């Protein structure tokens, strides 16, 4: 198979155990200085996942990001960096 070409099939041969969980956070809907309840809920979810589950974080539009990982402390550290940016006029 040449570079840039794709196999005509997929395989589960090298699939890792566990699920992929993406925490997507819209910072524009969280008031500045608020959102602690949402983060506590995310932490509670993390506590219920199996060790094989990989978690990723993306906060948009300008927040921190974390690739899928099984390192729960890295996920928690990333969540702590999310800041709400909603402004009501």
Protein backbone atom coordinates (compact mmCIF):
# COMPACT_ATOMS: atom_id res chain seq x y z
CA UNK A 1 0.00 0.00 0.00
CA UNK A 2 1.46 3.38 -0.94
CA UNK A 3 1.75 6.36 1.40
CA UNK A 4 -1.48 8.30 1.58
CA UNK A 5 -3.69 5.38 0.54
CA UNK A 6 -6.16 3.69 2.84
CA UNK A 7 -7.00 0.04 3.39
CA UNK A 8 -10.46 -0.91 2.04
CA UNK A 9 -11.42 -2.24 5.49
CA UNK A 10 -10.97 -1.47 9.16
CA UNK A 11 -9.78 -3.71 11.94
CA UNK A 12 -10.09 -3.95 15.69
CA UNK A 13 -6.71 -5.65 16.02
CA UNK A 14 -4.96 -2.80 17.82
CA UNK A 15 -7.93 -1.29 19.62
CA UNK A 16 -7.21 -0.37 23.23
CA UNK A 17 -9.53 -1.49 26.01
CA UNK A 18 -11.85 1.06 27.56
CA UNK A 19 -13.96 3.89 26.26
CA UNK A 20 -13.12 7.34 24.94
CA UNK A 21 -14.79 10.11 26.93
CA UNK A 22 -14.49 13.69 25.70
CA UNK A 23 -15.37 16.53 28.07
CA UNK A 24 -16.26 19.46 25.81
CA UNK A 25 -16.77 22.72 27.68
CA UNK A 26 -18.22 25.88 26.15
CA UNK A 27 -16.58 28.63 28.16
CA UNK A 28 -18.95 31.24 26.72
CA UNK A 29 -21.87 29.68 28.60
CA UNK A 30 -20.13 29.73 31.99
CA UNK A 31 -20.22 33.02 33.87
CA UNK A 32 -16.88 34.41 35.01
CA UNK A 33 -16.15 33.03 38.47
CA UNK A 34 -18.89 30.39 38.16
CA UNK A 35 -19.16 26.85 36.91
CA UNK A 36 -17.82 25.04 39.96
CA UNK A 37 -20.90 22.78 40.02
CA UNK A 38 -20.21 21.62 36.46
CA UNK A 39 -16.62 20.83 37.30
CA UNK A 40 -17.64 18.89 40.40
CA UNK A 41 -20.03 16.90 38.23
CA UNK A 42 -17.22 16.15 35.78
CA UNK A 43 -15.06 14.96 38.66
CA UNK A 44 -17.86 12.69 39.87
CA UNK A 45 -18.09 11.22 36.36
CA UNK A 46 -14.35 10.60 36.32
CA UNK A 47 -14.62 8.71 39.60
CA UNK A 48 -17.06 6.26 37.99
CA UNK A 49 -14.97 5.47 34.91
CA UNK A 50 -12.87 2.36 34.66
CA UNK A 51 -9.07 2.72 34.72
CA UNK A 52 -8.95 1.72 31.03
CA UNK A 53 -11.24 4.56 29.94
CA UNK A 54 -9.39 7.44 28.31
CA UNK A 55 -10.57 11.00 28.87
CA UNK A 56 -9.91 14.07 26.77
CA UNK A 57 -10.74 17.69 27.54
CA UNK A 58 -11.45 20.56 25.19
CA UNK A 59 -12.63 23.94 26.40
CA UNK A 60 -13.61 26.33 23.68
CA UNK A 61 -13.15 28.87 22.31
CA UNK A 62 -9.81 29.54 24.09
CA UNK A 63 -9.47 27.04 26.88
CA UNK A 64 -7.06 24.30 27.77
CA UNK A 65 -7.00 21.02 25.89
CA UNK A 66 -5.88 17.55 26.80
CA UNK A 67 -5.45 14.58 24.49
CA UNK A 68 -7.13 11.31 25.49
CA UNK A 69 -5.37 9.86 28.52
CA UNK A 70 -5.87 7.45 31.40
CA UNK A 71 -4.04 9.87 33.74
CA UNK A 72 -6.92 11.16 35.88
CA UNK A 73 -4.76 13.73 37.66
CA UNK A 74 -3.89 15.31 34.30
CA UNK A 75 -7.61 15.52 33.49
CA UNK A 76 -8.37 17.09 36.87
CA UNK A 77 -5.50 19.56 36.48
CA UNK A 78 -6.79 20.56 33.03
CA UNK A 79 -10.35 21.03 34.31
CA UNK A 80 -9.03 23.32 37.05
CA UNK A 81 -7.62 25.62 34.33
CA UNK A 82 -10.99 26.15 32.60
CA UNK A 83 -12.32 29.67 33.11
CA UNK A 84 -15.83 30.85 32.30
CA UNK A 85 -15.95 33.78 29.87
CA UNK A 86 -19.68 34.51 29.57
CA UNK A 87 -20.54 38.18 29.84
CA UNK A 88 -24.10 39.33 30.21
CA UNK A 89 -24.95 42.85 29.14
